[in-house]
Amino acid sequence: DITGRKAIDPKILIKIILFGYSRGLISSRSLERACKENITFMALSCDQKPDHSTIAAFVQNICASPKPYLDRYMCFMGNDRAVLLMK
């Protein structure tokens, strides 16, 4: 589409969501705010600021069909930290 914003890479959204969840941020609005205010989220998002509706739609798509996403990524959780690796 030539109108609207440029699409946000799914890798970036996964990083934001997993890191946010590991920090107790589970709402799309809190993740959106963190991408605008928190330096760690700014770095993870490559200074892109995804809208809460974009985050919510992405989470909903993952829940509906997680296999394409989870086949490409491995997530290790431990000691309050999330590490996301690409296979």
PDB file of N, CA and C in Angstrom:
ATOM      1  N   ASP A   1       0.836  -1.184   0.000  1.00  0.00           N
ATOM      2  CA  ASP A   1       0.000   0.000   0.000  1.00  0.00           C
ATOM      3  C   ASP A   1       0.883   1.251   0.000  1.00  0.00           C
ATOM      4  N   ILE A   2       0.564   2.191  -0.846  1.00  0.00           N
ATOM      5  CA  ILE A   2       1.388   3.397  -0.922  1.00  0.00           C
ATOM      6  C   ILE A   2       0.943   4.465   0.069  1.00  0.00           C
ATOM      7  N   THR A   3      -0.171   4.243   0.729  1.00  0.00           N
ATOM      8  CA  THR A   3      -0.622   5.196   1.740  1.00  0.00           C
ATOM      9  C   THR A   3      -0.341   4.634   3.122  1.00  0.00           C
ATOM     10  N   GLY A   4      -0.313   5.509   4.098  1.00  0.00           N
ATOM     11  CA  GLY A   4      -0.117   5.055   5.470  1.00  0.00           C
ATOM     12  C   GLY A   4       1.341   4.886   5.831  1.00  0.00           C
ATOM     13  N   ARG A   5       1.549   4.348   7.012  1.00  0.00           N
ATOM     14  CA  ARG A   5       2.884   4.136   7.546  1.00  0.00           C
ATOM     15  C   ARG A   5       3.574   2.946   6.924  1.00  0.00           C
ATOM     16  N   LYS A   6       4.888   2.947   7.031  1.00  0.00           N
ATOM     17  CA  LYS A   6       5.670   1.793   6.603  1.00  0.00           C
ATOM     18  C   LYS A   6       5.437   0.644   7.591  1.00  0.00           C
ATOM     19  N   ALA A   7       5.383  -0.565   7.095  1.00  0.00           N
ATOM     20  CA  ALA A   7       5.145  -1.727   7.955  1.00  0.00           C
ATOM     21  C   ALA A   7       6.312  -1.934   8.921  1.00  0.00           C
ATOM     22  N   ILE A   8       5.994  -2.453  10.102  1.00  0.00           N
ATOM     23  CA  ILE A   8       7.016  -2.748  11.104  1.00  0.00           C
ATOM     24  C   ILE A   8       7.385  -4.222  10.981  1.00  0.00           C
ATOM     25  N   ASP A   9       8.672  -4.497  10.972  1.00  0.00           N
ATOM     26  CA  ASP A   9       9.187  -5.855  10.827  1.00  0.00           C
ATOM     27  C   ASP A   9       8.658  -6.743  11.959  1.00  0.00           C
ATOM     28  N   PRO A  10       8.123  -7.931  11.645  1.00  0.00           N
ATOM     29  CA  PRO A  10       7.633  -8.840  12.678  1.00  0.00           C
ATOM     30  C   PRO A  10       8.698  -9.205  13.717  1.00  0.00           C
ATOM     31  N   LYS A  11       9.970  -9.237  13.316  1.00  0.00           N
ATOM     32  CA  LYS A  11      11.048  -9.535  14.276  1.00  0.00           C
ATOM     33  C   LYS A  11      11.074  -8.480  15.379  1.00  0.00           C
ATOM     34  N   ILE A  12      10.876  -7.235  14.994  1.00  0.00           N
ATOM     35  CA  ILE A  12      10.882  -6.145  15.968  1.00  0.00           C
ATOM     36  C   ILE A  12       9.683  -6.271  16.903  1.00  0.00           C
ATOM     37  N   LEU A  13       8.520  -6.561  16.346  1.00  0.00           N
ATOM     38  CA  LEU A  13       7.330  -6.706  17.183  1.00  0.00           C
ATOM     39  C   LEU A  13       7.465  -7.858  18.174  1.00  0.00           C
ATOM     40  N   ILE A  14       8.027  -8.962  17.727  1.00  0.00           N
ATOM     41  CA  ILE A  14       8.227 -10.101  18.641  1.00  0.00           C
ATOM     42  C   ILE A  14       9.171  -9.710  19.771  1.00  0.00           C
ATOM     43  N   LYS A  15      10.250  -9.012  19.450  1.00  0.00           N
ATOM     44  CA  LYS A  15      11.193  -8.589  20.494  1.00  0.00           C
ATOM     45  C   LYS A  15      10.509  -7.675  21.506  1.00  0.00           C
ATOM     46  N   ILE A  16       9.747  -6.717  21.014  1.00  0.00           N
ATOM     47  CA  ILE A  16       9.049  -5.776  21.895  1.00  0.00           C
ATOM     48  C   ILE A  16       8.068  -6.520  22.803  1.00  0.00           C
ATOM     49  N   ILE A  17       7.288  -7.396  22.219  1.00  0.00           N
ATOM     50  CA  ILE A  17       6.253  -8.103  22.971  1.00  0.00           C
ATOM     51  C   ILE A  17       6.865  -9.031  24.018  1.00  0.00           C
ATOM     52  N   LEU A  18       7.839  -9.829  23.632  1.00  0.00           N
ATOM     53  CA  LEU A  18       8.442 -10.752  24.591  1.00  0.00           C
ATOM     54  C   LEU A  18       9.171 -10.013  25.709  1.00  0.00           C
ATOM     55  N   PHE A  19       9.899  -8.975  25.364  1.00  0.00           N
ATOM     56  CA  PHE A  19      10.595  -8.211  26.395  1.00  0.00           C
ATOM     57  C   PHE A  19       9.591  -7.515  27.303  1.00  0.00           C
ATOM     58  N   GLY A  20       8.555  -6.951  26.724  1.00  0.00           N
ATOM     59  CA  GLY A  20       7.520  -6.302  27.527  1.00  0.00           C
ATOM     60  C   GLY A  20       6.837  -7.279  28.462  1.00  0.00           C
ATOM     61  N   TYR A  21       6.487  -8.451  27.958  1.00  0.00           N
ATOM     62  CA  TYR A  21       5.849  -9.466  28.800  1.00  0.00           C
ATOM     63  C   TYR A  21       6.774  -9.877  29.942  1.00  0.00           C
ATOM     64  N   SER A  22       8.062  -9.971  29.666  1.00  0.00           N
ATOM     65  CA  SER A  22       9.004 -10.367  30.723  1.00  0.00           C
ATOM     66  C   SER A  22       9.136  -9.286  31.785  1.00  0.00           C
ATOM     67  N   ARG A  23       8.726  -8.066  31.452  1.00  0.00           N
ATOM     68  CA  ARG A  23       8.771  -6.932  32.386  1.00  0.00           C
ATOM     69  C   ARG A  23       7.402  -6.612  32.973  1.00  0.00           C
ATOM     70  N   GLY A  24       6.407  -7.426  32.676  1.00  0.00           N
ATOM     71  CA  GLY A  24       5.076  -7.223  33.231  1.00  0.00           C
ATOM     72  C   GLY A  24       4.198  -6.276  32.434  1.00  0.00           C
ATOM     73  N   LEU A  25       4.643  -5.880  31.250  1.00  0.00           N
ATOM     74  CA  LEU A  25       3.839  -5.015  30.387  1.00  0.00           C
ATOM     75  C   LEU A  25       3.060  -5.909  29.435  1.00  0.00           C
ATOM     76  N   ILE A  26       1.767  -6.065  29.682  1.00  0.00           N
ATOM     77  CA  ILE A  26       1.015  -7.016  28.870  1.00  0.00           C
ATOM     78  C   ILE A  26      -0.028  -6.350  27.973  1.00  0.00           C
ATOM     79  N   SER A  27      -0.318  -5.085  28.204  1.00  0.00           N
ATOM     80  CA  SER A  27      -1.298  -4.428  27.338  1.00  0.00           C
ATOM     81  C   SER A  27      -0.586  -3.774  26.154  1.00  0.00           C
ATOM     82  N   SER A  28      -1.290  -3.709  25.038  1.00  0.00           N
ATOM     83  CA  SER A  28      -0.695  -3.111  23.843  1.00  0.00           C
ATOM     84  C   SER A  28      -0.435  -1.618  24.056  1.00  0.00           C
ATOM     85  N   ARG A  29      -1.277  -0.962  24.844  1.00  0.00           N
ATOM     86  CA  ARG A  29      -1.063   0.467  25.117  1.00  0.00           C
ATOM     87  C   ARG A  29       0.181   0.698  25.974  1.00  0.00           C
ATOM     88  N   SER A  30       0.436  -0.191  26.934  1.00  0.00           N
ATOM     89  CA  SER A  30       1.644  -0.034  27.755  1.00  0.00           C
ATOM     90  C   SER A  30       2.902  -0.312  26.934  1.00  0.00           C
ATOM     91  N   LEU A  31       2.822  -1.244  25.995  1.00  0.00           N
ATOM     92  CA  LEU A  31       3.965  -1.511  25.114  1.00  0.00           C
ATOM     93  C   LEU A  31       4.201  -0.338  24.162  1.00  0.00           C
ATOM     94  N   GLU A  32       3.123   0.252  23.659  1.00  0.00           N
ATOM     95  CA  GLU A  32       3.250   1.427  22.799  1.00  0.00           C
ATOM     96  C   GLU A  32       3.924   2.571  23.568  1.00  0.00           C
ATOM     97  N   ARG A  33       3.474   2.809  24.794  1.00  0.00           N
ATOM     98  CA  ARG A  33       4.052   3.874  25.624  1.00  0.00           C
ATOM     99  C   ARG A  33       5.524   3.606  25.910  1.00  0.00           C
ATOM    100  N   ALA A  34       5.864   2.353  26.194  1.00  0.00           N
ATOM    101  CA  ALA A  34       7.254   2.000  26.487  1.00  0.00           C
ATOM    102  C   ALA A  34       8.154   2.273  25.275  1.00  0.00           C
ATOM    103  N   CYS A  35       7.650   2.032  24.070  1.00  0.00           N
ATOM    104  CA  CYS A  35       8.447   2.279  22.858  1.00  0.00           C
ATOM    105  C   CYS A  35       8.706   3.769  22.644  1.00  0.00           C
ATOM    106  N   LYS A  36       7.894   4.606  23.258  1.00  0.00           N
ATOM    107  CA  LYS A  36       8.067   6.053  23.139  1.00  0.00           C
ATOM    108  C   LYS A  36       8.877   6.645  24.282  1.00  0.00           C
ATOM    109  N   GLU A  37       8.896   5.959  25.453  1.00  0.00           N
ATOM    110  CA  GLU A  37       9.482   6.552  26.656  1.00  0.00           C
ATOM    111  C   GLU A  37      10.681   5.811  27.231  1.00  0.00           C
ATOM    112  N   ASN A  38      10.790   4.515  26.975  1.00  0.00           N
ATOM    113  CA  ASN A  38      11.823   3.699  27.608  1.00  0.00           C
ATOM    114  C   ASN A  38      12.966   3.441  26.621  1.00  0.00           C
ATOM    115  N   ILE A  39      14.173   3.754  27.034  1.00  0.00           N
ATOM    116  CA  ILE A  39      15.341   3.650  26.135  1.00  0.00           C
ATOM    117  C   ILE A  39      15.588   2.216  25.665  1.00  0.00           C
ATOM    118  N   THR A  40      15.322   1.238  26.518  1.00  0.00           N
ATOM    119  CA  THR A  40      15.518  -0.165  26.130  1.00  0.00           C
ATOM    120  C   THR A  40      14.548  -0.545  25.019  1.00  0.00           C
ATOM    121  N   PHE A  41      13.293  -0.150  25.176  1.00  0.00           N
ATOM    122  CA  PHE A  41      12.301  -0.439  24.142  1.00  0.00           C
ATOM    123  C   PHE A  41      12.605   0.328  22.857  1.00  0.00           C
ATOM    124  N   MET A  42      13.116   1.541  22.989  1.00  0.00           N
ATOM    125  CA  MET A  42      13.489   2.307  21.798  1.00  0.00           C
ATOM    126  C   MET A  42      14.572   1.569  21.010  1.00  0.00           C
ATOM    127  N   ALA A  43      15.530   0.994  21.726  1.00  0.00           N
ATOM    128  CA  ALA A  43      16.603   0.248  21.067  1.00  0.00           C
ATOM    129  C   ALA A  43      16.056  -1.025  20.412  1.00  0.00           C
ATOM    130  N   LEU A  44      15.204  -1.750  21.138  1.00  0.00           N
ATOM    131  CA  LEU A  44      14.626  -2.977  20.586  1.00  0.00           C
ATOM    132  C   LEU A  44      13.763  -2.698  19.358  1.00  0.00           C
ATOM    133  N   SER A  45      13.091  -1.561  19.374  1.00  0.00           N
ATOM    134  CA  SER A  45      12.187  -1.234  18.269  1.00  0.00           C
ATOM    135  C   SER A  45      12.883  -0.475  17.142  1.00  0.00           C
ATOM    136  N   CYS A  46      14.205  -0.320  17.259  1.00  0.00           N
ATOM    137  CA  CYS A  46      14.972   0.438  16.256  1.00  0.00           C
ATOM    138  C   CYS A  46      14.379   1.830  16.078  1.00  0.00           C
ATOM    139  N   ASP A  47      13.952   2.394  17.195  1.00  0.00           N
ATOM    140  CA  ASP A  47      13.358   3.734  17.279  1.00  0.00           C
ATOM    141  C   ASP A  47      12.081   3.879  16.452  1.00  0.00           C
ATOM    142  N   GLN A  48      11.449   2.745  16.134  1.00  0.00           N
ATOM    143  CA  GLN A  48      10.123   2.797  15.527  1.00  0.00           C
ATOM    144  C   GLN A  48       9.117   2.828  16.668  1.00  0.00           C
ATOM    145  N   LYS A  49       7.991   3.414  16.444  1.00  0.00           N
ATOM    146  CA  LYS A  49       6.984   3.534  17.486  1.00  0.00           C
ATOM    147  C   LYS A  49       5.681   2.893  17.015  1.00  0.00           C
ATOM    148  N   PRO A  50       5.560   1.578  17.212  1.00  0.00           N
ATOM    149  CA  PRO A  50       4.351   0.905  16.746  1.00  0.00           C
ATOM    150  C   PRO A  50       3.120   1.365  17.526  1.00  0.00           C
ATOM    151  N   ASP A  51       2.023   1.500  16.842  1.00  0.00           N
ATOM    152  CA  ASP A  51       0.750   1.864  17.453  1.00  0.00           C
ATOM    153  C   ASP A  51       0.207   0.674  18.233  1.00  0.00           C
ATOM    154  N   HIS A  52      -0.596   0.969  19.267  1.00  0.00           N
ATOM    155  CA  HIS A  52      -1.146  -0.120  20.079  1.00  0.00           C
ATOM    156  C   HIS A  52      -2.019  -1.062  19.251  1.00  0.00           C
ATOM    157  N   SER A  53      -2.698  -0.535  18.245  1.00  0.00           N
ATOM    158  CA  SER A  53      -3.539  -1.411  17.407  1.00  0.00           C
ATOM    159  C   SER A  53      -2.685  -2.360  16.567  1.00  0.00           C
ATOM    160  N   THR A  54      -1.507  -1.914  16.146  1.00  0.00           N
ATOM    161  CA  THR A  54      -0.584  -2.775  15.403  1.00  0.00           C
ATOM    162  C   THR A  54      -0.087  -3.908  16.300  1.00  0.00           C
ATOM    163  N   ILE A  55       0.274  -3.564  17.534  1.00  0.00           N
ATOM    164  CA  ILE A  55       0.755  -4.570  18.490  1.00  0.00           C
ATOM    165  C   ILE A  55      -0.353  -5.575  18.796  1.00  0.00           C
ATOM    166  N   ALA A  56      -1.553  -5.074  19.070  1.00  0.00           N
ATOM    167  CA  ALA A  56      -2.681  -5.954  19.408  1.00  0.00           C
ATOM    168  C   ALA A  56      -3.022  -6.890  18.248  1.00  0.00           C
ATOM    169  N   ALA A  57      -3.038  -6.371  17.034  1.00  0.00           N
ATOM    170  CA  ALA A  57      -3.342  -7.207  15.867  1.00  0.00           C
ATOM    171  C   ALA A  57      -2.272  -8.277  15.673  1.00  0.00           C
ATOM    172  N   PHE A  58      -1.009  -7.910  15.895  1.00  0.00           N
ATOM    173  CA  PHE A  58       0.080  -8.871  15.746  1.00  0.00           C
ATOM    174  C   PHE A  58      -0.044  -9.990  16.783  1.00  0.00           C
ATOM    175  N   VAL A  59      -0.331  -9.634  18.026  1.00  0.00           N
ATOM    176  CA  VAL A  59      -0.509 -10.635  19.081  1.00  0.00           C
ATOM    177  C   VAL A  59      -1.674 -11.548  18.744  1.00  0.00           C
ATOM    178  N   GLN A  60      -2.750 -10.972  18.253  1.00  0.00           N
ATOM    179  CA  GLN A  60      -3.916 -11.774  17.888  1.00  0.00           C
ATOM    180  C   GLN A  60      -3.575 -12.754  16.760  1.00  0.00           C
ATOM    181  N   ASN A  61      -2.779 -12.315  15.788  1.00  0.00           N
ATOM    182  CA  ASN A  61      -2.362 -13.201  14.693  1.00  0.00           C
ATOM    183  C   ASN A  61      -1.468 -14.318  15.190  1.00  0.00           C
ATOM    184  N   ILE A  62      -0.585 -14.003  16.129  1.00  0.00           N
ATOM    185  CA  ILE A  62       0.284 -15.045  16.694  1.00  0.00           C
ATOM    186  C   ILE A  62      -0.555 -16.084  17.416  1.00  0.00           C
ATOM    187  N   CYS A  63      -1.553 -15.632  18.190  1.00  0.00           N
ATOM    188  CA  CYS A  63      -2.404 -16.568  18.933  1.00  0.00           C
ATOM    189  C   CYS A  63      -3.233 -17.426  17.992  1.00  0.00           C
ATOM    190  N   ALA A  64      -3.639 -16.860  16.873  1.00  0.00           N
ATOM    191  CA  ALA A  64      -4.442 -17.604  15.911  1.00  0.00           C
ATOM    192  C   ALA A  64      -3.612 -18.647  15.159  1.00  0.00           C
ATOM    193  N   SER A  65      -2.362 -18.304  14.880  1.00  0.00           N
ATOM    194  CA  SER A  65      -1.505 -19.198  14.111  1.00  0.00           C
ATOM    195  C   SER A  65      -0.047 -19.022  14.539  1.00  0.00           C
ATOM    196  N   PRO A  66       0.340 -19.585  15.690  1.00  0.00           N
ATOM    197  CA  PRO A  66       1.691 -19.356  16.207  1.00  0.00           C
ATOM    198  C   PRO A  66       2.798 -20.095  15.467  1.00  0.00           C
ATOM    199  N   LYS A  67       2.487 -21.176  14.789  1.00  0.00           N
ATOM    200  CA  LYS A  67       3.525 -22.008  14.211  1.00  0.00           C
ATOM    201  C   LYS A  67       4.479 -21.266  13.272  1.00  0.00           C
ATOM    202  N   PRO A  68       4.014 -20.437  12.332  1.00  0.00           N
ATOM    203  CA  PRO A  68       4.969 -19.753  11.442  1.00  0.00           C
ATOM    204  C   PRO A  68       5.967 -18.874  12.203  1.00  0.00           C
ATOM    205  N   TYR A  69       5.533 -18.300  13.312  1.00  0.00           N
ATOM    206  CA  TYR A  69       6.420 -17.437  14.081  1.00  0.00           C
ATOM    207  C   TYR A  69       7.357 -18.258  14.953  1.00  0.00           C
ATOM    208  N   LEU A  70       6.796 -19.257  15.614  1.00  0.00           N
ATOM    209  CA  LEU A  70       7.598 -20.032  16.550  1.00  0.00           C
ATOM    210  C   LEU A  70       8.572 -20.963  15.846  1.00  0.00           C
ATOM    211  N   ASP A  71       8.294 -21.323  14.603  1.00  0.00           N
ATOM    212  CA  ASP A  71       9.243 -22.140  13.848  1.00  0.00           C
ATOM    213  C   ASP A  71      10.517 -21.363  13.533  1.00  0.00           C
ATOM    214  N   ARG A  72      10.414 -20.045  13.434  1.00  0.00           N
ATOM    215  CA  ARG A  72      11.564 -19.228  13.076  1.00  0.00           C
ATOM    216  C   ARG A  72      12.345 -18.719  14.289  1.00  0.00           C
ATOM    217  N   TYR A  73      11.746 -18.773  15.454  1.00  0.00           N
ATOM    218  CA  TYR A  73      12.376 -18.181  16.626  1.00  0.00           C
ATOM    219  C   TYR A  73      12.413 -19.165  17.779  1.00  0.00           C
ATOM    220  N   MET A  74      13.434 -19.021  18.580  1.00  0.00           N
ATOM    221  CA  MET A  74      13.526 -19.754  19.837  1.00  0.00           C
ATOM    222  C   MET A  74      13.631 -18.708  20.933  1.00  0.00           C
ATOM    223  N   CYS A  75      12.867 -18.881  21.980  1.00  0.00           N
ATOM    224  CA  CYS A  75      12.887 -17.913  23.061  1.00  0.00           C
ATOM    225  C   CYS A  75      13.313 -18.624  24.333  1.00  0.00           C
ATOM    226  N   PHE A  76      14.290 -18.062  24.998  1.00  0.00           N
ATOM    227  CA  PHE A  76      14.745 -18.593  26.266  1.00  0.00           C
ATOM    228  C   PHE A  76      14.405 -17.581  27.349  1.00  0.00           C
ATOM    229  N   MET A  77      13.710 -18.020  28.372  1.00  0.00           N
ATOM    230  CA  MET A  77      13.347 -17.131  29.467  1.00  0.00           C
ATOM    231  C   MET A  77      14.065 -17.622  30.726  1.00  0.00           C
ATOM    232  N   GLY A  78      14.612 -16.697  31.466  1.00  0.00           N
ATOM    233  CA  GLY A  78      15.253 -17.055  32.716  1.00  0.00           C
ATOM    234  C   GLY A  78      15.818 -15.839  33.392  1.00  0.00           C
ATOM    235  N   ASN A  79      15.831 -15.861  34.706  1.00  0.00           N
ATOM    236  CA  ASN A  79      16.372 -14.742  35.492  1.00  0.00           C
ATOM    237  C   ASN A  79      15.791 -13.396  35.052  1.00  0.00           C
ATOM    238  N   ASP A  80      14.463 -13.367  34.807  1.00  0.00           N
ATOM    239  CA  ASP A  80      13.773 -12.134  34.400  1.00  0.00           C
ATOM    240  C   ASP A  80      14.317 -11.541  33.108  1.00  0.00           C
ATOM    241  N   ARG A  81      14.880 -12.358  32.248  1.00  0.00           N
ATOM    242  CA  ARG A  81      15.383 -11.845  30.960  1.00  0.00           C
ATOM    243  C   ARG A  81      14.893 -12.775  29.849  1.00  0.00           C
ATOM    244  N   ALA A  82      14.619 -12.169  28.724  1.00  0.00           N
ATOM    245  CA  ALA A  82      14.200 -12.946  27.556  1.00  0.00           C
ATOM    246  C   ALA A  82      15.263 -12.816  26.478  1.00  0.00           C
ATOM    247  N   VAL A  83      15.628 -13.925  25.897  1.00  0.00           N
ATOM    248  CA  VAL A  83      16.579 -13.918  24.788  1.00  0.00           C
ATOM    249  C   VAL A  83      15.869 -14.531  23.590  1.00  0.00           C
ATOM    250  N   LEU A  84      15.841 -13.811  22.507  1.00  0.00           N
ATOM    251  CA  LEU A  84      15.178 -14.264  21.300  1.00  0.00           C
ATOM    252  C   LEU A  84      16.225 -14.543  20.238  1.00  0.00           C
ATOM    253  N   LEU A  85      16.255 -15.776  19.763  1.00  0.00           N
ATOM    254  CA  LEU A  85      17.232 -16.166  18.757  1.00  0.00           C
ATOM    255  C   LEU A  85      16.514 -16.605  17.499  1.00  0.00           C
ATOM    256  N   MET A  86      17.072 -16.252  16.373  1.00  0.00           N
ATOM    257  CA  MET A  86      16.536 -16.708  15.110  1.00  0.00           C
ATOM    258  C   MET A  86      17.152 -18.056  14.771  1.00  0.00           C
ATOM    259  N   LYS A  87      16.356 -18.986  14.329  1.00  0.00           N
ATOM    260  CA  LYS A  87      16.875 -20.311  13.955  1.00  0.00           C
ATOM    261  C   LYS A  87      17.600 -20.219  12.633  1.00  0.00           C
TER     262      LYS A  87
END
